[in-house]
Amino acid sequence: MYPTLFTTPGLKAFAEELDAERGRQLQKWGDQRHRDGTSTGNATWAQEALAQCQHAADEDALTWGHILYEEFTEVMAETDPAKLRAELVQVAAVCAAWVFDLDRRPVA
C-alpha cells in the first residue's frame, strides 16, 4: 500500500486522528453492522435545517453547528446507498474543516 499524500491543509493530522479513533472503536466493539436509520420522511427536517442555515448565513450568524446540523439532516433524509455515502463524506469533511478551524485558533 502506498502512502496517501494529502494536499488539503490540516487533513493529514485529521485523517491520522480519525484512523486512531476508528481503531479504538474496532478494538472496543469489533466490526459493527447496523441499519442506516434514514428515511425519506426526514426530508422536511432537512429542508428546515437548510433554511435555518441559510437564514443564519444571511444574518452573518452562521456557525459550524448550523453547517454540521444541516449536513447531518441531509444524511438522515437519504435512503439511496450511493447518495447516503456521499452525504456522509460531506459530514466528515465539515468535521475536518471544523477541527482545522479549532486548531488554528489562538490558545487562550
N, C-alpha and C. Protein backbone atom coordinates (compact mmCIF):
# COMPACT_ATOMS: atom_id res chain seq x y z
N MET A 1 0.85 -1.19 0.00
CA MET A 1 0.00 0.00 0.00
C MET A 1 0.89 1.24 0.00
N TYR A 2 0.53 2.20 -0.81
CA TYR A 2 1.30 3.43 -0.92
C TYR A 2 0.80 4.46 0.07
N PRO A 3 1.68 5.31 0.57
CA PRO A 3 1.22 6.36 1.49
C PRO A 3 0.32 7.35 0.75
N THR A 4 -0.66 7.85 1.45
CA THR A 4 -1.57 8.83 0.88
C THR A 4 -0.98 10.22 1.08
N LEU A 5 -0.98 11.00 0.02
CA LEU A 5 -0.49 12.37 0.10
C LEU A 5 -1.69 13.29 0.20
N PHE A 6 -1.76 14.01 1.29
CA PHE A 6 -2.85 14.95 1.48
C PHE A 6 -2.40 16.33 1.07
N THR A 7 -3.22 17.01 0.29
CA THR A 7 -2.88 18.37 -0.14
C THR A 7 -3.69 19.42 0.60
N THR A 8 -4.79 19.03 1.22
CA THR A 8 -5.62 19.98 1.95
C THR A 8 -5.00 20.25 3.32
N PRO A 9 -4.78 21.52 3.67
CA PRO A 9 -4.17 21.83 4.97
C PRO A 9 -4.96 21.20 6.12
N GLY A 10 -4.23 20.57 7.04
CA GLY A 10 -4.84 20.00 8.23
C GLY A 10 -5.43 18.62 8.05
N LEU A 11 -5.57 18.16 6.81
CA LEU A 11 -6.27 16.90 6.57
C LEU A 11 -5.45 15.69 7.01
N LYS A 12 -4.15 15.73 6.85
CA LYS A 12 -3.31 14.59 7.25
C LYS A 12 -3.45 14.32 8.75
N ALA A 13 -3.34 15.35 9.56
CA ALA A 13 -3.46 15.18 11.01
C ALA A 13 -4.86 14.68 11.37
N PHE A 14 -5.88 15.23 10.72
CA PHE A 14 -7.26 14.79 10.97
C PHE A 14 -7.43 13.33 10.61
N ALA A 15 -6.91 12.93 9.45
CA ALA A 15 -7.04 11.54 9.00
C ALA A 15 -6.32 10.59 9.95
N GLU A 16 -5.17 11.00 10.46
CA GLU A 16 -4.44 10.16 11.41
C GLU A 16 -5.21 10.02 12.71
N GLU A 17 -5.81 11.11 13.20
CA GLU A 17 -6.62 11.03 14.42
C GLU A 17 -7.87 10.18 14.19
N LEU A 18 -8.47 10.36 13.03
CA LEU A 18 -9.66 9.58 12.68
C LEU A 18 -9.32 8.10 12.61
N ASP A 19 -8.19 7.77 12.01
CA ASP A 19 -7.74 6.39 11.91
C ASP A 19 -7.51 5.79 13.31
N ALA A 20 -6.88 6.56 14.18
CA ALA A 20 -6.63 6.08 15.54
C ALA A 20 -7.95 5.85 16.29
N GLU A 21 -8.89 6.78 16.16
CA GLU A 21 -10.19 6.63 16.82
C GLU A 21 -10.95 5.44 16.26
N ARG A 22 -10.88 5.27 14.97
CA ARG A 22 -11.56 4.12 14.35
C ARG A 22 -10.96 2.82 14.86
N GLY A 23 -9.66 2.78 15.02
CA GLY A 23 -9.00 1.61 15.58
C GLY A 23 -9.47 1.32 17.00
N ARG A 24 -9.63 2.37 17.81
CA ARG A 24 -10.13 2.20 19.18
C ARG A 24 -11.55 1.66 19.17
N GLN A 25 -12.38 2.16 18.25
CA GLN A 25 -13.75 1.66 18.15
C GLN A 25 -13.78 0.18 17.78
N LEU A 26 -12.95 -0.20 16.82
CA LEU A 26 -12.90 -1.60 16.41
C LEU A 26 -12.43 -2.49 17.55
N GLN A 27 -11.45 -2.00 18.29
CA GLN A 27 -10.94 -2.77 19.42
C GLN A 27 -12.01 -2.93 20.51
N LYS A 28 -12.75 -1.88 20.76
CA LYS A 28 -13.74 -1.90 21.82
C LYS A 28 -15.00 -2.68 21.44
N TRP A 29 -15.53 -2.46 20.22
CA TRP A 29 -16.81 -3.03 19.82
C TRP A 29 -16.72 -4.04 18.69
N GLY A 30 -15.57 -4.16 18.06
CA GLY A 30 -15.45 -5.04 16.90
C GLY A 30 -16.11 -4.42 15.67
N ASP A 31 -16.17 -5.21 14.62
CA ASP A 31 -16.79 -4.74 13.38
C ASP A 31 -18.30 -4.75 13.58
N GLN A 32 -18.92 -3.60 13.45
CA GLN A 32 -20.35 -3.47 13.70
C GLN A 32 -21.14 -3.37 12.40
N ARG A 33 -22.37 -3.87 12.45
CA ARG A 33 -23.30 -3.74 11.32
C ARG A 33 -24.65 -3.34 11.91
N HIS A 34 -25.19 -2.22 11.41
CA HIS A 34 -26.48 -1.71 11.89
C HIS A 34 -27.29 -1.23 10.69
N ARG A 35 -28.58 -1.09 10.88
CA ARG A 35 -29.42 -0.46 9.86
C ARG A 35 -29.03 1.02 9.77
N ASP A 36 -29.32 1.64 8.65
CA ASP A 36 -28.98 3.06 8.47
C ASP A 36 -29.82 3.97 9.35
N GLY A 37 -31.10 3.69 9.47
CA GLY A 37 -31.97 4.55 10.26
C GLY A 37 -32.37 5.82 9.54
N THR A 38 -32.17 5.86 8.24
CA THR A 38 -32.54 7.03 7.45
C THR A 38 -33.93 6.82 6.84
N SER A 39 -34.54 7.92 6.43
CA SER A 39 -35.89 7.83 5.87
C SER A 39 -36.18 9.06 5.03
N THR A 40 -36.86 8.85 3.93
CA THR A 40 -37.29 9.99 3.12
C THR A 40 -38.29 10.84 3.90
N GLY A 41 -38.87 10.25 4.96
CA GLY A 41 -39.76 11.01 5.83
C GLY A 41 -39.04 12.12 6.58
N ASN A 42 -37.71 12.10 6.58
CA ASN A 42 -36.93 13.15 7.24
C ASN A 42 -36.62 14.33 6.31
N ALA A 43 -37.17 14.31 5.11
CA ALA A 43 -36.88 15.37 4.14
C ALA A 43 -37.30 16.75 4.66
N THR A 44 -38.42 16.83 5.35
CA THR A 44 -38.86 18.12 5.90
C THR A 44 -37.87 18.63 6.92
N TRP A 45 -37.37 17.75 7.75
CA TRP A 45 -36.34 18.09 8.74
C TRP A 45 -35.11 18.66 8.03
N ALA A 46 -34.70 18.03 6.94
CA ALA A 46 -33.53 18.51 6.19
C ALA A 46 -33.80 19.87 5.56
N GLN A 47 -35.00 20.05 5.03
CA GLN A 47 -35.36 21.34 4.41
C GLN A 47 -35.37 22.45 5.46
N GLU A 48 -35.88 22.15 6.65
CA GLU A 48 -35.90 23.15 7.72
C GLU A 48 -34.48 23.51 8.17
N ALA A 49 -33.61 22.51 8.26
CA ALA A 49 -32.23 22.76 8.66
C ALA A 49 -31.52 23.61 7.61
N LEU A 50 -31.79 23.34 6.34
CA LEU A 50 -31.20 24.14 5.27
C LEU A 50 -31.67 25.58 5.36
N ALA A 51 -32.96 25.78 5.62
CA ALA A 51 -33.50 27.14 5.75
C ALA A 51 -32.88 27.86 6.95
N GLN A 52 -32.70 27.15 8.07
CA GLN A 52 -32.07 27.75 9.25
C GLN A 52 -30.62 28.13 8.95
N CYS A 53 -29.93 27.27 8.24
CA CYS A 53 -28.54 27.53 7.88
C CYS A 53 -28.45 28.77 6.97
N GLN A 54 -29.34 28.84 5.99
CA GLN A 54 -29.34 29.97 5.07
C GLN A 54 -29.70 31.26 5.80
N HIS A 55 -30.67 31.19 6.71
CA HIS A 55 -31.06 32.36 7.49
C HIS A 55 -29.88 32.85 8.33
N ALA A 56 -29.19 31.93 8.99
CA ALA A 56 -28.03 32.31 9.80
C ALA A 56 -26.95 32.93 8.94
N ALA A 57 -26.75 32.39 7.74
CA ALA A 57 -25.76 32.97 6.82
C ALA A 57 -26.17 34.37 6.40
N ASP A 58 -27.46 34.54 6.09
CA ASP A 58 -27.97 35.86 5.68
C ASP A 58 -27.82 36.89 6.80
N GLU A 59 -27.90 36.44 8.06
CA GLU A 59 -27.80 37.32 9.22
C GLU A 59 -26.36 37.45 9.72
N ASP A 60 -25.40 36.89 8.98
CA ASP A 60 -23.99 36.87 9.38
C ASP A 60 -23.83 36.23 10.76
N ALA A 61 -24.60 35.15 11.00
CA ALA A 61 -24.57 34.46 12.28
C ALA A 61 -24.33 32.96 12.10
N LEU A 62 -23.81 32.59 10.94
CA LEU A 62 -23.60 31.18 10.63
C LEU A 62 -22.52 30.59 11.53
N THR A 63 -22.79 29.38 12.06
CA THR A 63 -21.83 28.68 12.91
C THR A 63 -21.54 27.31 12.32
N TRP A 64 -20.46 26.70 12.80
CA TRP A 64 -20.17 25.32 12.41
C TRP A 64 -21.33 24.42 12.83
N GLY A 65 -21.96 24.72 13.94
CA GLY A 65 -23.10 23.93 14.39
C GLY A 65 -24.22 23.93 13.37
N HIS A 66 -24.52 25.10 12.79
CA HIS A 66 -25.55 25.18 11.75
C HIS A 66 -25.17 24.29 10.56
N ILE A 67 -23.92 24.40 10.13
CA ILE A 67 -23.47 23.69 8.93
C ILE A 67 -23.50 22.18 9.16
N LEU A 68 -22.97 21.73 10.30
CA LEU A 68 -22.94 20.30 10.57
C LEU A 68 -24.36 19.74 10.73
N TYR A 69 -25.21 20.49 11.41
CA TYR A 69 -26.60 20.05 11.60
C TYR A 69 -27.30 19.91 10.25
N GLU A 70 -27.09 20.87 9.38
CA GLU A 70 -27.72 20.83 8.05
C GLU A 70 -27.23 19.61 7.27
N GLU A 71 -25.93 19.35 7.31
CA GLU A 71 -25.38 18.19 6.61
C GLU A 71 -25.91 16.88 7.22
N PHE A 72 -25.98 16.83 8.55
CA PHE A 72 -26.47 15.63 9.22
C PHE A 72 -27.93 15.34 8.85
N THR A 73 -28.75 16.37 8.78
CA THR A 73 -30.16 16.14 8.44
C THR A 73 -30.29 15.65 7.00
N GLU A 74 -29.39 16.09 6.12
CA GLU A 74 -29.40 15.55 4.76
C GLU A 74 -29.09 14.05 4.77
N VAL A 75 -28.14 13.65 5.62
CA VAL A 75 -27.84 12.22 5.78
C VAL A 75 -29.09 11.47 6.20
N MET A 76 -29.78 12.00 7.20
CA MET A 76 -30.93 11.30 7.76
C MET A 76 -32.11 11.22 6.80
N ALA A 77 -32.11 12.03 5.76
CA ALA A 77 -33.20 12.01 4.77
C ALA A 77 -32.86 11.20 3.52
N GLU A 78 -31.65 10.67 3.44
CA GLU A 78 -31.21 9.96 2.23
C GLU A 78 -31.31 8.45 2.41
N THR A 79 -31.92 7.77 1.45
CA THR A 79 -32.03 6.31 1.54
C THR A 79 -31.25 5.59 0.45
N ASP A 80 -30.89 6.26 -0.62
CA ASP A 80 -30.10 5.65 -1.68
C ASP A 80 -28.67 5.44 -1.16
N PRO A 81 -28.15 4.21 -1.14
CA PRO A 81 -26.84 3.95 -0.56
C PRO A 81 -25.69 4.80 -1.13
N ALA A 82 -25.65 5.00 -2.43
CA ALA A 82 -24.57 5.80 -3.02
C ALA A 82 -24.67 7.27 -2.60
N LYS A 83 -25.89 7.78 -2.60
CA LYS A 83 -26.09 9.18 -2.18
C LYS A 83 -25.87 9.33 -0.68
N LEU A 84 -26.27 8.34 0.10
CA LEU A 84 -26.04 8.36 1.54
C LEU A 84 -24.55 8.40 1.83
N ARG A 85 -23.79 7.59 1.12
CA ARG A 85 -22.33 7.59 1.31
C ARG A 85 -21.75 8.97 1.00
N ALA A 86 -22.20 9.57 -0.09
CA ALA A 86 -21.70 10.91 -0.46
C ALA A 86 -22.05 11.93 0.63
N GLU A 87 -23.25 11.84 1.18
CA GLU A 87 -23.65 12.76 2.26
C GLU A 87 -22.80 12.54 3.51
N LEU A 88 -22.50 11.28 3.83
CA LEU A 88 -21.66 11.00 5.00
C LEU A 88 -20.25 11.54 4.81
N VAL A 89 -19.74 11.47 3.58
CA VAL A 89 -18.42 12.06 3.30
C VAL A 89 -18.48 13.57 3.50
N GLN A 90 -19.58 14.19 3.11
CA GLN A 90 -19.73 15.63 3.34
C GLN A 90 -19.73 15.96 4.82
N VAL A 91 -20.39 15.13 5.63
CA VAL A 91 -20.38 15.33 7.08
C VAL A 91 -18.95 15.24 7.61
N ALA A 92 -18.22 14.23 7.15
CA ALA A 92 -16.83 14.07 7.59
C ALA A 92 -15.98 15.27 7.18
N ALA A 93 -16.22 15.80 5.99
CA ALA A 93 -15.46 16.96 5.51
C ALA A 93 -15.77 18.20 6.35
N VAL A 94 -17.02 18.38 6.73
CA VAL A 94 -17.37 19.50 7.60
C VAL A 94 -16.68 19.34 8.96
N CYS A 95 -16.69 18.12 9.48
CA CYS A 95 -16.00 17.87 10.75
C CYS A 95 -14.51 18.19 10.62
N ALA A 96 -13.91 17.80 9.52
CA ALA A 96 -12.49 18.09 9.29
C ALA A 96 -12.25 19.61 9.24
N ALA A 97 -13.11 20.32 8.56
CA ALA A 97 -12.96 21.78 8.47
C ALA A 97 -13.11 22.43 9.84
N TRP A 98 -14.05 21.95 10.62
CA TRP A 98 -14.29 22.50 11.96
C TRP A 98 -13.07 22.23 12.86
N VAL A 99 -12.55 21.00 12.80
CA VAL A 99 -11.35 20.67 13.59
C VAL A 99 -10.18 21.55 13.17
N PHE A 100 -9.99 21.73 11.86
CA PHE A 100 -8.91 22.57 11.36
C PHE A 100 -9.07 24.01 11.85
N ASP A 101 -10.31 24.50 11.85
CA ASP A 101 -10.57 25.85 12.35
C ASP A 101 -10.22 25.94 13.84
N LEU A 102 -10.61 24.95 14.61
CA LEU A 102 -10.26 24.92 16.04
C LEU A 102 -8.74 24.94 16.24
N ASP A 103 -8.05 24.15 15.44
CA ASP A 103 -6.59 24.04 15.57
C ASP A 103 -5.87 25.34 15.23
N ARG A 104 -6.47 26.19 14.42
CA ARG A 104 -5.84 27.46 14.05
C ARG A 104 -6.13 28.58 15.03
N ARG A 105 -7.04 28.36 15.96
CA ARG A 105 -7.38 29.43 16.92
C ARG A 105 -6.26 29.62 17.92
N PRO A 106 -6.08 30.86 18.34
CA PRO A 106 -5.05 31.11 19.37
C PRO A 106 -5.39 30.39 20.67
N VAL A 107 -4.37 29.89 21.32
CA VAL A 107 -4.58 29.23 22.61
C VAL A 107 -4.88 30.29 23.65
N ALA A 108 -5.97 30.07 24.39
CA ALA A 108 -6.40 31.07 25.39
C ALA A 108 -5.66 30.88 26.69
